[in-house]
Amino acid sequence: MAEPLVYILVLNYRAWRDTLLCLKALERLEYPNYRLLVLDNASDNDAVAQLRAAYPGLEIVELKRNLGFAGGNNVGLRQALAEGADYVWLLNPDTIPEPEALSAMVGLAEQDPRIGAVGSVLLDMDNPQQVQAWGGGEVVLFWGLIRLLTHPRQAARLSYISGASLLVRRRALEQVGLLDEGFFMYGEDCDYGLRLRKAGFLLAVAPQARVRHKGGTSWHGSLQADENFAAYNVRLFRKHAPWPRLAVAGYTLFWLAEYSLRGRFDKVGALWRGLRRGWQLPL
C-alpha cells in the first residue's frame, strides 16, 4: 500500500540562505512520498534566483505581492488539495528537520483519523538540547494567556500546533478551511488550532519528529514585530474569547509587567500601538 501523499510547503521571504539549508535537510527525509513546493512571498531581493541556481528543478511559486504567512501558505494549500495531497506540511524556512521527522508525524496521524494536525518537537537551532516548543502552545481565552509548551507532560493543554512545523490532514482542511488571512503575521497558527479543536479534531505531537528552528523571540525582534504581535493577538482574542475585553486586559497586564520589569519601555510603546491596531482589524 502506497504511503499517503504529503505536500511540503516552504514559504520564503528574502531569507534564501535559511531556505537553502532547509531544502538541504529535506533531501535527507526518510519519508518516500512527498512533493516539495516553495512559495516566494514577493521577495525584494535575489532570493528566487539564488534558489533556482541551487535547485534548478525546484518548483517555486512566485507570488506577486507579500501575502503574509497565512495568505502565502494558502496559495500552496489550494494547490496541494487540488493535486490530491493527503497531508500538507507547513514548514518554516528557518528550520532543519531530522530525516525521520515527516515519517513520525504521518505515522502518528495515520493511527487515529480524529487527529487533524500533528506537530514536531521544535529545538533551538544553536542549542539543540533546548526545546523551544513541544509541538505548539496553550491559549487560555478567559484571561489572555498564550504560551509555548515545552514538555510532553503538558500535552493535554495543547491548543495549537506551531506554524513552524504543522502537518495538517486533508479532511481537516476540507472541513475547517484554510488559514485566516486576517492574520497577516502572528496568530494564524493559534487561530487554526482553536478552529480544529472546535470542529472536533485532535491535535498531536510526534516525539520522534525533531526539527531545529531558528525562530525569533519577543526580546530580540524589532519594535514593528512587537506591535504586529500585539495587534494580531488582540484580533485572536476578539475572534475566539468569550469575553474579549477581559482576555485583552489580562494579555496587556502580562506584557506590560514583563517589558517594564526588563526596562524595555520602547516595547511598551509598541505594545500600546499594537493594542490599538488590534481592535480596529476586521474579523
Protein backbone atom coordinates (compact mmCIF):
# COMPACT_ATOMS: atom_id res chain seq x y z
CA MET A 1 0.00 0.00 0.00
CA ALA A 2 1.41 3.39 -1.01
CA GLU A 3 2.29 5.91 1.63
CA PRO A 4 -0.04 8.95 1.84
CA LEU A 5 0.97 11.85 -0.39
CA VAL A 6 2.37 14.79 1.56
CA TYR A 7 2.86 18.25 0.12
CA ILE A 8 5.63 20.18 1.85
CA LEU A 9 5.18 23.94 1.71
CA VAL A 10 8.15 26.20 2.44
CA LEU A 11 7.28 29.90 2.40
CA ASN A 12 10.32 32.03 1.59
CA TYR A 13 10.61 35.76 2.10
CA ARG A 14 14.05 37.25 1.40
CA ALA A 15 15.94 34.75 3.61
CA TRP A 16 17.10 32.41 0.84
CA ARG A 17 20.16 31.27 2.83
CA ASP A 18 17.93 29.81 5.54
CA THR A 19 15.69 28.28 2.89
CA LEU A 20 18.63 26.58 1.19
CA LEU A 21 19.67 24.96 4.48
CA CYS A 22 16.09 23.78 4.99
CA LEU A 23 15.93 22.32 1.46
CA LYS A 24 19.24 20.54 2.01
CA ALA A 25 17.82 18.92 5.14
CA LEU A 26 14.68 17.85 3.26
CA GLU A 27 16.87 15.88 0.85
CA ARG A 28 17.58 13.52 3.75
CA LEU A 29 13.94 12.80 4.63
CA GLU A 30 13.18 9.12 5.09
CA TYR A 31 9.56 9.55 4.03
CA PRO A 32 9.21 8.39 0.40
CA ASN A 33 6.04 10.02 -0.94
CA TYR A 34 6.19 13.79 -0.79
CA ARG A 35 6.17 16.73 -3.15
CA LEU A 36 8.02 19.93 -2.30
CA LEU A 37 6.64 23.34 -3.17
CA VAL A 38 8.45 26.59 -2.36
CA LEU A 39 6.37 29.74 -2.28
CA ASP A 40 8.19 33.06 -2.56
CA ASN A 41 6.31 35.86 -0.85
CA ALA A 42 7.35 38.59 -3.34
CA SER A 43 10.91 38.85 -2.01
CA ASP A 44 12.50 42.16 -2.98
CA ASN A 45 15.98 40.67 -3.33
CA ASP A 46 17.53 37.93 -5.48
CA ALA A 47 16.08 35.11 -3.38
CA VAL A 48 14.31 33.33 -6.24
CA ALA A 49 17.41 33.49 -8.44
CA GLN A 50 19.53 32.05 -5.64
CA LEU A 51 17.08 29.20 -5.04
CA ARG A 52 16.81 28.36 -8.74
CA ALA A 53 20.59 28.40 -9.10
CA ALA A 54 20.99 25.89 -6.27
CA TYR A 55 17.99 23.74 -7.26
CA PRO A 56 17.23 24.12 -10.98
CA GLY A 57 14.33 21.67 -10.86
CA LEU A 58 12.72 23.15 -7.75
CA GLU A 59 9.03 24.03 -8.05
CA ILE A 60 8.69 27.66 -6.99
CA VAL A 61 5.51 29.71 -6.99
CA GLU A 62 6.36 33.41 -7.18
CA LEU A 63 3.67 35.48 -5.52
CA LYS A 64 3.12 38.94 -6.95
CA ARG A 65 2.86 40.58 -3.53
CA ASN A 66 3.62 39.70 0.05
CA LEU A 67 0.55 37.87 1.34
CA GLY A 68 1.91 37.18 4.81
CA PHE A 69 2.20 33.74 6.39
CA ALA A 70 -1.47 32.80 6.05
CA GLY A 71 -2.03 34.19 2.57
CA GLY A 72 1.20 32.82 1.16
CA ASN A 73 0.66 29.33 2.54
CA ASN A 74 -2.97 29.34 1.42
CA VAL A 75 -1.78 29.52 -2.20
CA GLY A 76 0.15 26.31 -1.61
CA LEU A 77 -2.67 24.69 0.36
CA ARG A 78 -5.08 25.23 -2.52
CA GLN A 79 -2.64 23.68 -4.97
CA ALA A 80 -1.95 20.75 -2.66
CA LEU A 81 -5.65 19.99 -2.24
CA ALA A 82 -6.29 20.33 -5.97
CA GLU A 83 -3.49 17.87 -6.72
CA GLY A 84 -4.64 15.18 -4.29
CA ALA A 85 -2.49 15.68 -1.20
CA ASP A 86 -3.45 13.54 1.78
CA TYR A 87 -1.50 15.77 4.15
CA VAL A 88 0.18 19.16 3.90
CA TRP A 89 3.27 20.03 5.95
CA LEU A 90 3.79 23.73 6.56
CA LEU A 91 7.46 24.16 7.32
CA ASN A 92 9.24 27.40 8.13
CA PRO A 93 12.32 28.13 6.01
CA ASP A 94 14.42 28.70 9.15
CA THR A 95 14.07 25.06 10.21
CA ILE A 96 16.18 21.95 9.81
CA PRO A 97 14.09 18.79 10.20
CA GLU A 98 15.69 15.49 11.14
CA PRO A 99 15.39 12.73 8.49
CA GLU A 100 12.69 10.83 10.40
CA ALA A 101 10.54 13.88 11.19
CA LEU A 102 7.94 13.53 8.44
CA SER A 103 7.65 9.75 8.78
CA ALA A 104 7.00 10.16 12.50
CA MET A 105 4.30 12.78 12.01
CA VAL A 106 2.46 10.91 9.26
CA GLY A 107 2.74 7.65 11.17
CA LEU A 108 1.11 9.22 14.22
CA ALA A 109 -1.66 10.84 12.18
CA GLU A 110 -2.45 7.54 10.46
CA GLN A 111 -3.12 5.90 13.83
CA ASP A 112 -6.23 7.98 14.50
CA PRO A 113 -8.47 9.66 11.90
CA ARG A 114 -9.63 12.13 14.54
CA ILE A 115 -6.19 13.77 14.51
CA GLY A 116 -6.45 16.93 12.45
CA ALA A 117 -2.92 18.22 12.87
CA VAL A 118 0.43 16.93 14.11
CA GLY A 119 3.37 18.95 15.36
CA SER A 120 7.01 18.20 15.98
CA VAL A 121 9.43 18.87 18.80
CA LEU A 122 10.97 22.24 17.96
CA LEU A 123 14.56 22.60 19.13
CA ASP A 124 16.70 25.69 19.36
CA MET A 125 18.88 25.95 16.28
CA ASP A 126 22.04 26.88 18.17
CA ASN A 127 21.35 24.73 21.22
CA PRO A 128 19.51 21.58 20.07
CA GLN A 129 19.27 20.31 23.65
CA GLN A 130 16.84 23.13 24.40
CA VAL A 131 13.19 22.56 23.50
CA GLN A 132 11.55 25.65 22.03
CA ALA A 133 8.13 24.05 21.82
CA TRP A 134 6.63 20.61 22.32
CA GLY A 135 4.53 20.85 19.18
CA GLY A 136 2.95 24.18 19.93
CA GLY A 137 1.33 26.05 22.74
CA GLU A 138 -1.57 26.84 25.01
CA VAL A 139 -4.16 29.58 24.68
CA VAL A 140 -6.22 30.49 27.74
CA LEU A 141 -9.02 32.54 26.27
CA PHE A 142 -10.52 33.68 29.56
CA TRP A 143 -7.57 35.78 30.68
CA GLY A 144 -5.43 36.25 27.62
CA LEU A 145 -2.57 33.81 28.05
CA ILE A 146 -0.61 32.48 25.08
CA ARG A 147 2.47 30.41 25.79
CA LEU A 148 4.57 27.71 24.20
CA LEU A 149 4.60 24.30 25.85
CA THR A 150 7.97 22.62 26.29
CA HIS A 151 7.36 19.20 27.85
CA PRO A 152 5.25 16.14 26.94
CA ARG A 153 3.52 16.21 30.32
CA GLN A 154 1.87 19.47 29.17
CA ALA A 155 0.35 17.82 26.08
CA ALA A 156 -3.19 17.92 27.47
CA ARG A 157 -3.02 21.72 27.39
CA LEU A 158 -2.15 21.89 23.69
CA SER A 159 -4.36 24.48 21.97
CA TYR A 160 -2.48 24.82 18.70
CA ILE A 161 0.40 23.43 16.66
CA SER A 162 3.17 25.88 15.84
CA GLY A 163 3.16 27.04 12.24
CA ALA A 164 6.92 26.45 12.15
CA SER A 165 6.16 22.74 11.63
CA LEU A 166 2.50 21.92 11.11
CA LEU A 167 1.22 18.77 9.40
CA VAL A 168 -2.49 19.05 8.53
CA ARG A 169 -4.80 16.25 7.39
CA ARG A 170 -6.70 16.78 4.15
CA ARG A 171 -10.08 16.15 5.77
CA ALA A 172 -9.33 18.80 8.38
CA LEU A 173 -8.50 21.34 5.68
CA GLU A 174 -11.68 20.47 3.80
CA GLN A 175 -13.85 20.71 6.90
CA VAL A 176 -12.25 23.63 8.76
CA GLY A 177 -10.96 25.61 5.78
CA LEU A 178 -7.68 27.35 5.10
CA LEU A 179 -5.70 29.75 7.26
CA ASP A 180 -7.38 33.03 8.20
CA GLU A 181 -5.70 35.70 6.09
CA GLY A 182 -6.83 38.36 8.53
CA PHE A 183 -3.72 37.32 10.48
CA PHE A 184 -1.02 38.70 8.23
CA MET A 185 1.69 37.58 10.61
CA TYR A 186 1.39 36.01 14.07
CA GLY A 187 -1.71 34.36 15.49
CA GLU A 188 -2.71 32.33 12.45
CA ASP A 189 -1.48 29.05 13.91
CA CYS A 190 -3.24 29.71 17.23
CA ASP A 191 -6.42 30.53 15.35
CA TYR A 192 -6.18 27.37 13.26
CA GLY A 193 -5.62 25.16 16.28
CA LEU A 194 -8.64 26.62 18.05
CA ARG A 195 -10.74 26.10 14.93
CA LEU A 196 -9.61 22.49 14.59
CA ARG A 197 -10.46 21.72 18.19
CA LYS A 198 -13.85 23.45 17.90
CA ALA A 199 -14.59 21.22 14.90
CA GLY A 200 -13.82 18.14 16.98
CA PHE A 201 -10.35 17.30 15.68
CA LEU A 202 -7.49 16.25 17.94
CA LEU A 203 -4.03 17.80 17.99
CA ALA A 204 -0.99 15.58 18.46
CA VAL A 205 2.80 15.81 18.74
CA ALA A 206 5.19 13.21 17.35
CA PRO A 207 8.11 12.94 19.80
CA GLN A 208 10.39 11.42 17.15
CA ALA A 209 9.79 14.36 14.81
CA ARG A 210 12.58 16.67 15.82
CA VAL A 211 13.01 19.95 13.99
CA ARG A 212 15.65 22.56 14.72
CA HIS A 213 14.24 26.08 14.48
CA LYS A 214 15.99 29.40 14.39
CA GLY A 215 12.89 31.48 15.04
CA GLY A 216 12.82 34.73 16.93
CA THR A 217 11.83 35.96 20.34
CA SER A 218 9.89 38.89 21.68
CA TRP A 219 13.09 40.24 23.19
CA HIS A 220 15.20 40.34 20.05
CA GLY A 221 12.65 41.26 17.39
CA SER A 222 12.03 44.72 16.01
CA LEU A 223 9.56 47.13 17.57
CA GLN A 224 7.40 46.72 14.46
CA ALA A 225 7.33 42.97 15.09
CA ASP A 226 6.29 43.61 18.70
CA GLU A 227 3.49 45.87 17.50
CA ASN A 228 2.29 43.26 14.99
CA PHE A 229 2.49 40.54 17.65
CA ALA A 230 0.18 42.51 19.94
CA ALA A 231 -2.20 43.56 17.18
CA TYR A 232 -2.85 40.07 15.85
CA ASN A 233 -3.12 38.54 19.30
CA VAL A 234 -5.81 41.10 20.12
CA ARG A 235 -7.59 40.03 16.95
CA LEU A 236 -7.28 36.40 18.09
CA PHE A 237 -8.98 37.17 21.42
CA ARG A 238 -11.67 39.24 19.73
CA LYS A 239 -12.41 36.30 17.46
CA HIS A 240 -12.35 33.46 19.99
CA ALA A 241 -12.55 34.64 23.61
CA PRO A 242 -15.95 34.54 25.35
CA TRP A 243 -15.10 37.89 26.94
CA PRO A 244 -12.61 39.58 24.60
CA ARG A 245 -12.06 42.68 26.73
CA LEU A 246 -11.17 40.59 29.76
CA ALA A 247 -8.76 38.48 27.69
CA VAL A 248 -7.09 41.55 26.18
CA ALA A 249 -6.83 43.16 29.63
CA GLY A 250 -5.05 40.10 31.00
CA TYR A 251 -2.77 39.93 27.97
CA THR A 252 -1.94 43.62 28.32
CA LEU A 253 -1.13 43.41 32.02
CA PHE A 254 1.18 40.44 31.48
CA TRP A 255 3.25 42.08 28.74
CA LEU A 256 3.21 45.49 30.42
CA ALA A 257 4.72 43.89 33.51
CA GLU A 258 7.27 41.88 31.51
CA TYR A 259 8.51 44.84 29.49
CA SER A 260 8.53 47.21 32.47
CA LEU A 261 10.48 44.81 34.70
CA ARG A 262 13.12 44.50 31.97
CA GLY A 263 13.26 48.23 31.44
CA ARG A 264 12.12 47.91 27.84
CA PHE A 265 9.83 50.91 27.73
CA ASP A 266 10.31 51.17 23.97
CA LYS A 267 8.48 47.85 23.77
CA VAL A 268 5.72 49.21 25.98
CA GLY A 269 5.07 51.83 23.31
CA ALA A 270 4.95 49.12 20.61
CA LEU A 271 2.54 47.15 22.80
CA TRP A 272 0.12 50.07 23.07
CA ARG A 273 0.26 50.74 19.35
CA GLY A 274 -0.46 47.10 18.66
CA LEU A 275 -3.38 47.03 21.07
CA ARG A 276 -4.99 49.99 19.32
CA ARG A 277 -4.49 48.41 15.90
CA GLY A 278 -5.81 45.06 17.08
CA TRP A 279 -9.20 46.50 17.99
CA GLN A 280 -9.50 48.03 14.52
CA LEU A 281 -8.62 44.93 12.48
CA PRO A 282 -11.64 43.40 10.73
CA LEU A 283 -12.73 39.95 11.89
